[in-house]
Amino acid sequence: MSSKPVQANTKKSKRIIQVAAPLLIILIAAVIFFVKNSDSAQTIEQSPDLTITELNIDEMTSQGKPVIIDFGADYCQPCKLMAPELEAVHNAMKGKAFVHYIDTMESPEIAGQFPIQVVPTQVLYDKNGNPFVPSDELASQIQFTMYTHRDTGEHALTTHQGYLSAEQLYMILEEMGAENP
């Protein structure tokens, strides 16, 4: 009689292991997934540098924050004049918007992905990840270039060519949906 209770307990233990093991594996996989995804979001949000050498627009635009990427070069006088303005806005908007600078001479492969005709040129996305569409009022104050897809006619990209002051950058960010620019 003493062997039957041991056998019954062994069967129960095996059944518990058969159910618990897959659940434990699923739980571990879920934890790894969430940790990896939260780390990548933190990394991109916490980019401390104004100047970047790698660009993943899809990651930036998926964060629910406006994006301004300024393309310039060291030889460019308007870029040099704009640098302190851009840096001040970058520092003030950390966590609220992505404001970055890419040197076209150091990262020509990134600049080649956009219609950069002159420097400085800013590429603009709103907080929903869409190419920015300025209001008529803002467009009357700041000139923007709107690009469309040839096949569909859909809005594809908005840029601004030339110098922007900090005040103008804040006006754009506010209209793009930035929190407290």
N, C-alpha and C. Protein backbone atom coordinates (compact mmCIF):
# COMPACT_ATOMS: atom_id res chain seq x y z
N MET A 1 0.79 -1.19 0.00
CA MET A 1 0.00 0.00 0.00
C MET A 1 0.84 1.26 0.00
N SER A 2 1.97 1.17 0.54
CA SER A 2 2.81 2.36 0.58
C SER A 2 3.35 2.75 -0.80
N SER A 3 3.40 1.84 -1.74
CA SER A 3 3.90 2.17 -3.07
C SER A 3 2.86 2.92 -3.91
N LYS A 4 1.58 2.74 -3.69
CA LYS A 4 0.55 3.41 -4.47
C LYS A 4 0.52 4.92 -4.21
N PRO A 5 0.59 5.41 -2.98
CA PRO A 5 0.60 6.86 -2.79
C PRO A 5 1.82 7.51 -3.43
N VAL A 6 2.97 6.87 -3.38
CA VAL A 6 4.17 7.43 -4.00
C VAL A 6 3.97 7.51 -5.51
N GLN A 7 3.38 6.47 -6.09
CA GLN A 7 3.13 6.45 -7.51
C GLN A 7 2.13 7.55 -7.90
N ALA A 8 1.12 7.76 -7.12
CA ALA A 8 0.12 8.79 -7.39
C ALA A 8 0.75 10.18 -7.31
N ASN A 9 1.59 10.40 -6.31
CA ASN A 9 2.27 11.69 -6.19
C ASN A 9 3.22 11.92 -7.35
N THR A 10 3.87 10.89 -7.83
CA THR A 10 4.78 11.01 -8.96
C THR A 10 4.01 11.39 -10.21
N LYS A 11 2.84 10.80 -10.42
CA LYS A 11 2.02 11.13 -11.59
C LYS A 11 1.55 12.59 -11.51
N LYS A 12 1.17 13.03 -10.32
CA LYS A 12 0.75 14.42 -10.16
C LYS A 12 1.91 15.37 -10.43
N SER A 13 3.09 15.04 -9.94
CA SER A 13 4.27 15.87 -10.14
C SER A 13 4.61 15.97 -11.63
N LYS A 14 4.54 14.84 -12.33
CA LYS A 14 4.82 14.85 -13.77
C LYS A 14 3.81 15.72 -14.50
N ARG A 15 2.56 15.63 -14.12
CA ARG A 15 1.51 16.42 -14.77
C ARG A 15 1.73 17.92 -14.52
N ILE A 16 2.10 18.27 -13.30
CA ILE A 16 2.38 19.67 -12.96
C ILE A 16 3.55 20.18 -13.79
N ILE A 17 4.59 19.37 -13.92
CA ILE A 17 5.76 19.76 -14.71
C ILE A 17 5.38 19.91 -16.18
N GLN A 18 4.53 19.00 -16.69
CA GLN A 18 4.11 19.08 -18.09
C GLN A 18 3.33 20.37 -18.38
N VAL A 19 2.59 20.85 -17.42
CA VAL A 19 1.81 22.08 -17.59
C VAL A 19 2.67 23.31 -17.29
N ALA A 20 3.46 23.24 -16.23
CA ALA A 20 4.22 24.41 -15.77
C ALA A 20 5.40 24.74 -16.69
N ALA A 21 6.06 23.75 -17.24
CA ALA A 21 7.25 23.99 -18.06
C ALA A 21 6.92 24.86 -19.28
N PRO A 22 5.90 24.53 -20.07
CA PRO A 22 5.60 25.41 -21.21
C PRO A 22 5.19 26.82 -20.78
N LEU A 23 4.44 26.92 -19.67
CA LEU A 23 4.04 28.24 -19.18
C LEU A 23 5.27 29.05 -18.76
N LEU A 24 6.21 28.40 -18.14
CA LEU A 24 7.43 29.08 -17.72
C LEU A 24 8.23 29.54 -18.94
N ILE A 25 8.30 28.73 -19.97
CA ILE A 25 9.01 29.10 -21.20
C ILE A 25 8.34 30.31 -21.85
N ILE A 26 7.01 30.31 -21.92
CA ILE A 26 6.28 31.44 -22.49
C ILE A 26 6.52 32.70 -21.68
N LEU A 27 6.49 32.58 -20.36
CA LEU A 27 6.74 33.72 -19.49
C LEU A 27 8.14 34.29 -19.70
N ILE A 28 9.13 33.45 -19.80
CA ILE A 28 10.51 33.90 -20.01
C ILE A 28 10.64 34.60 -21.37
N ALA A 29 10.02 34.02 -22.39
CA ALA A 29 10.07 34.64 -23.72
C ALA A 29 9.40 36.02 -23.70
N ALA A 30 8.28 36.14 -23.01
CA ALA A 30 7.58 37.42 -22.92
C ALA A 30 8.43 38.46 -22.20
N VAL A 31 9.07 38.07 -21.12
CA VAL A 31 9.93 39.00 -20.38
C VAL A 31 11.09 39.47 -21.26
N ILE A 32 11.72 38.55 -21.97
CA ILE A 32 12.83 38.91 -22.86
C ILE A 32 12.35 39.87 -23.95
N PHE A 33 11.18 39.59 -24.53
CA PHE A 33 10.62 40.46 -25.58
C PHE A 33 10.41 41.87 -25.05
N PHE A 34 9.78 42.01 -23.88
CA PHE A 34 9.49 43.34 -23.35
C PHE A 34 10.75 44.07 -22.92
N VAL A 35 11.71 43.36 -22.38
CA VAL A 35 12.97 44.00 -21.98
C VAL A 35 13.71 44.52 -23.20
N LYS A 36 13.78 43.71 -24.25
CA LYS A 36 14.47 44.15 -25.47
C LYS A 36 13.77 45.35 -26.09
N ASN A 37 12.46 45.33 -26.19
CA ASN A 37 11.74 46.43 -26.80
C ASN A 37 11.80 47.70 -25.96
N SER A 38 11.75 47.58 -24.66
CA SER A 38 11.83 48.79 -23.84
C SER A 38 13.23 49.37 -23.88
N ASP A 39 14.26 48.54 -23.98
CA ASP A 39 15.63 49.04 -24.07
C ASP A 39 15.85 49.82 -25.36
N SER A 40 15.34 49.32 -26.49
CA SER A 40 15.56 50.04 -27.75
C SER A 40 14.82 51.37 -27.74
N ALA A 41 13.65 51.43 -27.15
CA ALA A 41 12.91 52.69 -27.08
C ALA A 41 13.66 53.68 -26.20
N GLN A 42 14.22 53.21 -25.09
CA GLN A 42 14.97 54.12 -24.22
C GLN A 42 16.22 54.62 -24.92
N THR A 43 16.90 53.75 -25.65
CA THR A 43 18.13 54.14 -26.30
C THR A 43 17.88 55.26 -27.30
N ILE A 44 16.86 55.11 -28.12
CA ILE A 44 16.61 56.13 -29.14
C ILE A 44 16.09 57.42 -28.52
N GLU A 45 15.30 57.35 -27.48
CA GLU A 45 14.78 58.56 -26.84
C GLU A 45 15.88 59.32 -26.10
N GLN A 46 16.83 58.59 -25.56
CA GLN A 46 17.82 59.22 -24.71
C GLN A 46 19.11 59.57 -25.44
N SER A 47 19.07 59.66 -26.77
CA SER A 47 20.26 60.03 -27.52
C SER A 47 20.71 61.42 -27.07
N PRO A 48 21.84 61.52 -26.38
CA PRO A 48 22.25 62.79 -25.81
C PRO A 48 22.88 63.75 -26.81
N ASP A 49 23.32 63.25 -27.94
CA ASP A 49 24.08 64.08 -28.87
C ASP A 49 23.19 64.71 -29.92
N LEU A 50 23.49 65.95 -30.24
CA LEU A 50 22.82 66.64 -31.33
C LEU A 50 23.21 66.00 -32.65
N THR A 51 24.51 65.78 -32.84
CA THR A 51 25.02 65.20 -34.08
C THR A 51 24.91 63.69 -34.01
N ILE A 52 24.29 63.11 -35.04
CA ILE A 52 24.19 61.66 -35.11
C ILE A 52 24.80 61.18 -36.43
N THR A 53 25.27 59.94 -36.44
CA THR A 53 25.86 59.37 -37.64
C THR A 53 25.07 58.17 -38.14
N GLU A 54 24.04 57.78 -37.41
CA GLU A 54 23.14 56.71 -37.84
C GLU A 54 21.72 57.24 -37.72
N LEU A 55 20.87 56.84 -38.65
CA LEU A 55 19.51 57.35 -38.66
C LEU A 55 18.54 56.22 -38.97
N ASN A 56 17.55 56.06 -38.08
CA ASN A 56 16.46 55.12 -38.33
C ASN A 56 15.17 55.92 -38.16
N ILE A 57 14.72 56.51 -39.24
CA ILE A 57 13.51 57.34 -39.21
C ILE A 57 12.32 56.55 -38.71
N ASP A 58 12.20 55.28 -39.11
CA ASP A 58 11.05 54.47 -38.68
C ASP A 58 10.99 54.36 -37.16
N GLU A 59 12.15 54.15 -36.52
CA GLU A 59 12.16 54.07 -35.05
C GLU A 59 11.78 55.41 -34.43
N MET A 60 12.34 56.48 -34.96
CA MET A 60 12.04 57.81 -34.41
C MET A 60 10.56 58.15 -34.57
N THR A 61 10.03 57.95 -35.77
CA THR A 61 8.65 58.35 -36.02
C THR A 61 7.64 57.46 -35.31
N SER A 62 8.07 56.30 -34.85
CA SER A 62 7.15 55.42 -34.11
C SER A 62 7.06 55.79 -32.64
N GLN A 63 7.81 56.77 -32.19
CA GLN A 63 7.87 57.14 -30.77
C GLN A 63 6.79 58.13 -30.35
N GLY A 64 6.00 58.66 -31.29
CA GLY A 64 4.95 59.61 -30.95
C GLY A 64 5.48 61.01 -30.64
N LYS A 65 6.63 61.33 -31.23
CA LYS A 65 7.24 62.65 -31.02
C LYS A 65 7.63 63.23 -32.39
N PRO A 66 7.56 64.55 -32.54
CA PRO A 66 8.00 65.16 -33.79
C PRO A 66 9.49 64.92 -34.04
N VAL A 67 9.87 64.98 -35.32
CA VAL A 67 11.25 64.74 -35.72
C VAL A 67 11.71 65.87 -36.64
N ILE A 68 12.84 66.48 -36.28
CA ILE A 68 13.52 67.42 -37.18
C ILE A 68 14.95 66.92 -37.33
N ILE A 69 15.31 66.60 -38.58
CA ILE A 69 16.68 66.23 -38.88
C ILE A 69 17.26 67.33 -39.74
N ASP A 70 18.31 67.98 -39.25
CA ASP A 70 18.97 69.06 -39.97
C ASP A 70 20.20 68.50 -40.67
N PHE A 71 20.23 68.62 -41.98
CA PHE A 71 21.38 68.20 -42.77
C PHE A 71 22.23 69.41 -43.07
N GLY A 72 23.53 69.34 -42.74
CA GLY A 72 24.43 70.46 -42.96
C GLY A 72 25.84 69.97 -43.22
N ALA A 73 26.78 70.91 -43.17
CA ALA A 73 28.19 70.58 -43.38
C ALA A 73 29.05 71.63 -42.69
N ASP A 74 30.27 71.23 -42.35
CA ASP A 74 31.20 72.13 -41.64
C ASP A 74 31.56 73.36 -42.46
N TYR A 75 31.62 73.24 -43.77
CA TYR A 75 32.01 74.36 -44.64
C TYR A 75 30.88 75.38 -44.83
N CYS A 76 29.68 75.04 -44.41
CA CYS A 76 28.48 75.84 -44.68
C CYS A 76 28.31 76.95 -43.64
N GLN A 77 28.37 78.20 -44.07
CA GLN A 77 28.25 79.33 -43.15
C GLN A 77 26.87 79.40 -42.49
N PRO A 78 25.75 79.25 -43.23
CA PRO A 78 24.45 79.25 -42.55
C PRO A 78 24.31 78.11 -41.53
N CYS A 79 24.96 76.97 -41.82
CA CYS A 79 24.94 75.84 -40.87
C CYS A 79 25.65 76.22 -39.58
N LYS A 80 26.77 76.91 -39.71
CA LYS A 80 27.52 77.35 -38.53
C LYS A 80 26.71 78.36 -37.72
N LEU A 81 25.99 79.25 -38.41
CA LEU A 81 25.15 80.23 -37.71
C LEU A 81 23.98 79.54 -36.99
N MET A 82 23.47 78.49 -37.62
CA MET A 82 22.31 77.80 -37.06
C MET A 82 22.68 76.83 -35.93
N ALA A 83 23.93 76.40 -35.88
CA ALA A 83 24.36 75.38 -34.92
C ALA A 83 23.97 75.68 -33.46
N PRO A 84 24.23 76.89 -32.92
CA PRO A 84 23.85 77.14 -31.53
C PRO A 84 22.33 77.13 -31.32
N GLU A 85 21.59 77.60 -32.32
CA GLU A 85 20.12 77.60 -32.24
C GLU A 85 19.62 76.15 -32.19
N LEU A 86 20.15 75.34 -33.09
CA LEU A 86 19.74 73.94 -33.18
C LEU A 86 20.10 73.18 -31.89
N GLU A 87 21.28 73.46 -31.36
CA GLU A 87 21.71 72.80 -30.14
C GLU A 87 20.82 73.19 -28.95
N ALA A 88 20.45 74.45 -28.86
CA ALA A 88 19.58 74.91 -27.77
C ALA A 88 18.21 74.22 -27.86
N VAL A 89 17.67 74.12 -29.06
CA VAL A 89 16.37 73.46 -29.24
C VAL A 89 16.50 71.97 -28.94
N HIS A 90 17.57 71.35 -29.42
CA HIS A 90 17.82 69.93 -29.14
C HIS A 90 17.82 69.68 -27.63
N ASN A 91 18.56 70.48 -26.88
CA ASN A 91 18.65 70.30 -25.43
C ASN A 91 17.32 70.57 -24.74
N ALA A 92 16.59 71.57 -25.17
CA ALA A 92 15.32 71.91 -24.55
C ALA A 92 14.22 70.88 -24.85
N MET A 93 14.33 70.19 -25.97
CA MET A 93 13.26 69.29 -26.41
C MET A 93 13.54 67.81 -26.13
N LYS A 94 14.61 67.50 -25.42
CA LYS A 94 14.90 66.09 -25.11
C LYS A 94 13.70 65.45 -24.44
N GLY A 95 13.30 64.31 -24.96
CA GLY A 95 12.15 63.60 -24.43
C GLY A 95 10.82 64.07 -25.00
N LYS A 96 10.83 65.19 -25.71
CA LYS A 96 9.59 65.75 -26.29
C LYS A 96 9.60 65.70 -27.81
N ALA A 97 10.79 65.70 -28.39
CA ALA A 97 10.94 65.67 -29.84
C ALA A 97 12.36 65.20 -30.17
N PHE A 98 12.54 64.72 -31.38
CA PHE A 98 13.87 64.38 -31.87
C PHE A 98 14.35 65.55 -32.71
N VAL A 99 15.43 66.17 -32.29
CA VAL A 99 16.05 67.27 -33.04
C VAL A 99 17.52 66.90 -33.17
N HIS A 100 17.94 66.59 -34.40
CA HIS A 100 19.31 66.11 -34.62
C HIS A 100 19.92 66.75 -35.85
N TYR A 101 21.24 66.65 -35.91
CA TYR A 101 22.04 67.19 -37.01
C TYR A 101 22.82 66.05 -37.63
N ILE A 102 22.86 66.02 -38.96
CA ILE A 102 23.69 65.06 -39.70
C ILE A 102 24.58 65.83 -40.65
N ASP A 103 25.88 65.59 -40.54
CA ASP A 103 26.85 66.22 -41.44
C ASP A 103 26.84 65.44 -42.76
N THR A 104 26.49 66.11 -43.84
CA THR A 104 26.36 65.44 -45.14
C THR A 104 27.71 64.95 -45.67
N MET A 105 28.79 65.56 -45.24
CA MET A 105 30.12 65.12 -45.70
C MET A 105 30.57 63.87 -44.94
N GLU A 106 30.18 63.76 -43.67
CA GLU A 106 30.56 62.60 -42.88
C GLU A 106 29.61 61.43 -43.07
N SER A 107 28.37 61.70 -43.43
CA SER A 107 27.36 60.65 -43.61
C SER A 107 26.62 60.82 -44.94
N PRO A 108 27.35 60.74 -46.06
CA PRO A 108 26.71 60.95 -47.36
C PRO A 108 25.66 59.89 -47.69
N GLU A 109 25.81 58.69 -47.15
CA GLU A 109 24.84 57.63 -47.42
C GLU A 109 23.48 57.94 -46.79
N ILE A 110 23.49 58.62 -45.66
CA ILE A 110 22.22 59.02 -45.03
C ILE A 110 21.62 60.18 -45.80
N ALA A 111 22.43 61.18 -46.11
CA ALA A 111 21.94 62.33 -46.86
C ALA A 111 21.38 61.91 -48.21
N GLY A 112 21.96 60.87 -48.81
CA GLY A 112 21.51 60.38 -50.11
C GLY A 112 20.11 59.79 -50.09
N GLN A 113 19.58 59.52 -48.90
CA GLN A 113 18.23 58.96 -48.78
C GLN A 113 17.15 60.05 -48.86
N PHE A 114 17.57 61.31 -48.88
CA PHE A 114 16.64 62.43 -48.86
C PHE A 114 16.97 63.39 -50.00
N PRO A 115 16.01 64.20 -50.41
CA PRO A 115 16.26 65.15 -51.51
C PRO A 115 16.99 66.40 -51.00
N ILE A 116 18.24 66.23 -50.63
CA ILE A 116 19.04 67.35 -50.11
C ILE A 116 19.69 68.04 -51.31
N GLN A 117 19.27 69.27 -51.58
CA GLN A 117 19.82 70.03 -52.69
C GLN A 117 20.81 71.09 -52.21
N VAL A 118 20.55 71.63 -51.03
CA VAL A 118 21.43 72.63 -50.42
C VAL A 118 21.51 72.32 -48.93
N VAL A 119 22.53 72.87 -48.28
CA VAL A 119 22.61 72.76 -46.82
C VAL A 119 22.57 74.17 -46.25
N PRO A 120 21.91 74.36 -45.14
CA PRO A 120 21.18 73.35 -44.38
C PRO A 120 19.80 73.05 -44.98
N THR A 121 19.38 71.81 -44.81
CA THR A 121 18.02 71.38 -45.15
C THR A 121 17.50 70.58 -43.97
N GLN A 122 16.27 70.88 -43.56
CA GLN A 122 15.65 70.15 -42.46
C GLN A 122 14.55 69.25 -43.02
N VAL A 123 14.52 68.01 -42.54
CA VAL A 123 13.48 67.05 -42.87
C VAL A 123 12.55 66.99 -41.67
N LEU A 124 11.22 67.04 -41.90
CA LEU A 124 10.26 67.23 -40.82
C LEU A 124 9.16 66.16 -40.81
N TYR A 125 8.95 65.56 -39.62
CA TYR A 125 7.86 64.60 -39.42
C TYR A 125 7.07 65.03 -38.18
N ASP A 126 5.75 64.91 -38.25
CA ASP A 126 4.92 65.28 -37.10
C ASP A 126 4.93 64.17 -36.04
N LYS A 127 4.24 64.40 -34.93
CA LYS A 127 4.27 63.45 -33.82
C LYS A 127 3.61 62.11 -34.16
N ASN A 128 2.82 62.07 -35.22
CA ASN A 128 2.19 60.83 -35.64
C ASN A 128 3.05 60.04 -36.62
N GLY A 129 4.24 60.56 -36.91
CA GLY A 129 5.15 59.87 -37.81
C GLY A 129 4.91 60.17 -39.28
N ASN A 130 4.04 61.14 -39.55
CA ASN A 130 3.73 61.52 -40.93
C ASN A 130 4.59 62.69 -41.37
N PRO A 131 4.85 62.80 -42.67
CA PRO A 131 5.53 64.00 -43.14
C PRO A 131 4.71 65.23 -42.72
N PHE A 132 5.38 66.21 -42.18
CA PHE A 132 4.74 67.40 -41.65
C PHE A 132 4.00 68.17 -42.74
N VAL A 133 2.78 68.60 -42.42
CA VAL A 133 2.00 69.47 -43.31
C VAL A 133 1.75 70.76 -42.53
N PRO A 134 2.46 71.84 -42.89
CA PRO A 134 2.30 73.10 -42.15
C PRO A 134 0.95 73.75 -42.43
N SER A 135 0.48 74.48 -41.45
CA SER A 135 -0.75 75.27 -41.65
C SER A 135 -0.44 76.38 -42.65
N ASP A 136 -1.49 76.96 -43.21
CA ASP A 136 -1.31 78.08 -44.13
C ASP A 136 -0.60 79.24 -43.45
N GLU A 137 -0.95 79.47 -42.18
CA GLU A 137 -0.33 80.57 -41.44
C GLU A 137 1.17 80.36 -41.30
N LEU A 138 1.58 79.15 -40.89
CA LEU A 138 3.01 78.90 -40.74
C LEU A 138 3.71 78.91 -42.10
N ALA A 139 3.06 78.37 -43.11
CA ALA A 139 3.65 78.35 -44.46
C ALA A 139 3.80 79.76 -45.02
N SER A 140 3.02 80.71 -44.53
CA SER A 140 3.18 82.10 -44.99
C SER A 140 4.39 82.75 -44.33
N GLN A 141 4.87 82.19 -43.22
CA GLN A 141 6.02 82.74 -42.50
C GLN A 141 7.33 82.02 -42.82
N ILE A 142 7.22 80.71 -43.10
CA ILE A 142 8.39 79.87 -43.35
C ILE A 142 8.10 79.08 -44.62
N GLN A 143 9.05 79.07 -45.54
CA GLN A 143 8.85 78.36 -46.80
C GLN A 143 9.22 76.89 -46.65
N PHE A 144 8.31 76.01 -47.02
CA PHE A 144 8.52 74.57 -46.97
C PHE A 144 8.45 74.00 -48.38
N THR A 145 9.12 72.87 -48.58
CA THR A 145 9.01 72.14 -49.84
C THR A 145 8.30 70.83 -49.54
N MET A 146 7.21 70.60 -50.27
CA MET A 146 6.40 69.40 -50.07
C MET A 146 6.65 68.45 -51.25
N TYR A 147 6.98 67.21 -50.93
CA TYR A 147 7.22 66.20 -51.96
C TYR A 147 6.07 65.19 -51.94
N THR A 148 5.71 64.71 -53.13
CA THR A 148 4.65 63.70 -53.24
C THR A 148 5.18 62.49 -54.00
N HIS A 149 4.53 61.35 -53.77
CA HIS A 149 4.85 60.14 -54.53
C HIS A 149 4.37 60.32 -55.96
N ARG A 150 5.20 59.97 -56.91
CA ARG A 150 4.83 60.11 -58.32
C ARG A 150 3.60 59.28 -58.68
N ASP A 151 3.58 58.04 -58.19
CA ASP A 151 2.51 57.11 -58.58
C ASP A 151 1.17 57.45 -57.95
N THR A 152 1.19 57.79 -56.66
CA THR A 152 -0.07 57.96 -55.93
C THR A 152 -0.46 59.41 -55.69
N GLY A 153 0.50 60.30 -55.76
CA GLY A 153 0.22 61.70 -55.46
C GLY A 153 0.12 61.98 -53.98
N GLU A 154 0.37 60.96 -53.14
CA GLU A 154 0.31 61.13 -51.69
C GLU A 154 1.52 61.95 -51.21
N HIS A 155 1.30 62.69 -50.13
CA HIS A 155 2.37 63.47 -49.52
C HIS A 155 3.45 62.52 -49.01
N ALA A 156 4.69 62.74 -49.40
CA ALA A 156 5.78 61.83 -49.05
C ALA A 156 6.78 62.43 -48.07
N LEU A 157 7.03 63.74 -48.16
CA LEU A 157 8.08 64.34 -47.35
C LEU A 157 7.93 65.85 -47.35
N THR A 158 8.31 66.47 -46.24
CA THR A 158 8.36 67.93 -46.15
C THR A 158 9.75 68.33 -45.70
N THR A 159 10.31 69.32 -46.37
CA THR A 159 11.62 69.83 -45.98
C THR A 159 11.57 71.36 -45.93
N HIS A 160 12.58 71.90 -45.30
CA HIS A 160 12.83 73.35 -45.33
C HIS A 160 14.28 73.50 -45.71
N GLN A 161 14.57 74.42 -46.61
CA GLN A 161 15.94 74.68 -47.01
C GLN A 161 16.39 76.02 -46.44
N GLY A 162 17.55 76.01 -45.79
CA GLY A 162 18.11 77.24 -45.27
C GLY A 162 18.09 77.33 -43.76
N TYR A 163 18.50 78.48 -43.29
CA TYR A 163 18.62 78.78 -41.86
C TYR A 163 17.25 78.84 -41.20
N LEU A 164 17.15 78.29 -39.99
CA LEU A 164 15.98 78.46 -39.13
C LEU A 164 16.46 78.93 -37.76
N SER A 165 15.81 79.93 -37.21
CA SER A 165 16.14 80.40 -35.86
C SER A 165 15.50 79.45 -34.84
N ALA A 166 15.91 79.57 -33.60
CA ALA A 166 15.31 78.76 -32.54
C ALA A 166 13.81 79.04 -32.46
N GLU A 167 13.44 80.31 -32.60
CA GLU A 167 12.02 80.68 -32.55
C GLU A 167 11.23 79.97 -33.66
N GLN A 168 11.79 79.94 -34.86
CA GLN A 168 11.12 79.25 -35.96
C GLN A 168 11.06 77.74 -35.72
N LEU A 169 12.14 77.17 -35.19
CA LEU A 169 12.14 75.74 -34.88
C LEU A 169 11.05 75.41 -33.86
N TYR A 170 10.92 76.25 -32.84
CA TYR A 170 9.87 76.03 -31.84
C TYR A 170 8.47 76.16 -32.45
N MET A 171 8.29 77.11 -33.36
CA MET A 171 6.99 77.27 -34.03
C MET A 171 6.65 76.00 -34.81
N ILE A 172 7.62 75.47 -35.50
CA ILE A 172 7.42 74.24 -36.28
C ILE A 172 7.11 73.08 -35.33
N LEU A 173 7.90 72.93 -34.29
CA LEU A 173 7.70 71.83 -33.34
C LEU A 173 6.33 71.89 -32.68
N GLU A 174 5.90 73.09 -32.33
CA GLU A 174 4.57 73.24 -31.72
C GLU A 174 3.48 72.77 -32.68
N GLU A 175 3.61 73.17 -33.93
CA GLU A 175 2.60 72.78 -34.91
C GLU A 175 2.68 71.28 -35.24
N MET A 176 3.85 70.70 -35.06
CA MET A 176 4.01 69.26 -35.31
C MET A 176 3.51 68.44 -34.13
N GLY A 177 3.12 69.09 -33.04
CA GLY A 177 2.54 68.39 -31.91
C GLY A 177 3.46 68.12 -30.75
N ALA A 178 4.58 68.85 -30.65
CA ALA A 178 5.49 68.67 -29.53
C ALA A 178 4.86 69.18 -28.25
N GLU A 179 5.17 68.51 -27.16
CA GLU A 179 4.69 68.95 -25.84
C GLU A 179 5.51 70.16 -25.39
N ASN A 180 4.85 71.22 -25.01
CA ASN A 180 5.49 72.42 -24.43
C ASN A 180 6.80 72.82 -25.11
N PRO A 181 6.75 73.15 -26.39
CA PRO A 181 8.02 73.53 -27.03
C PRO A 181 8.56 74.84 -26.48
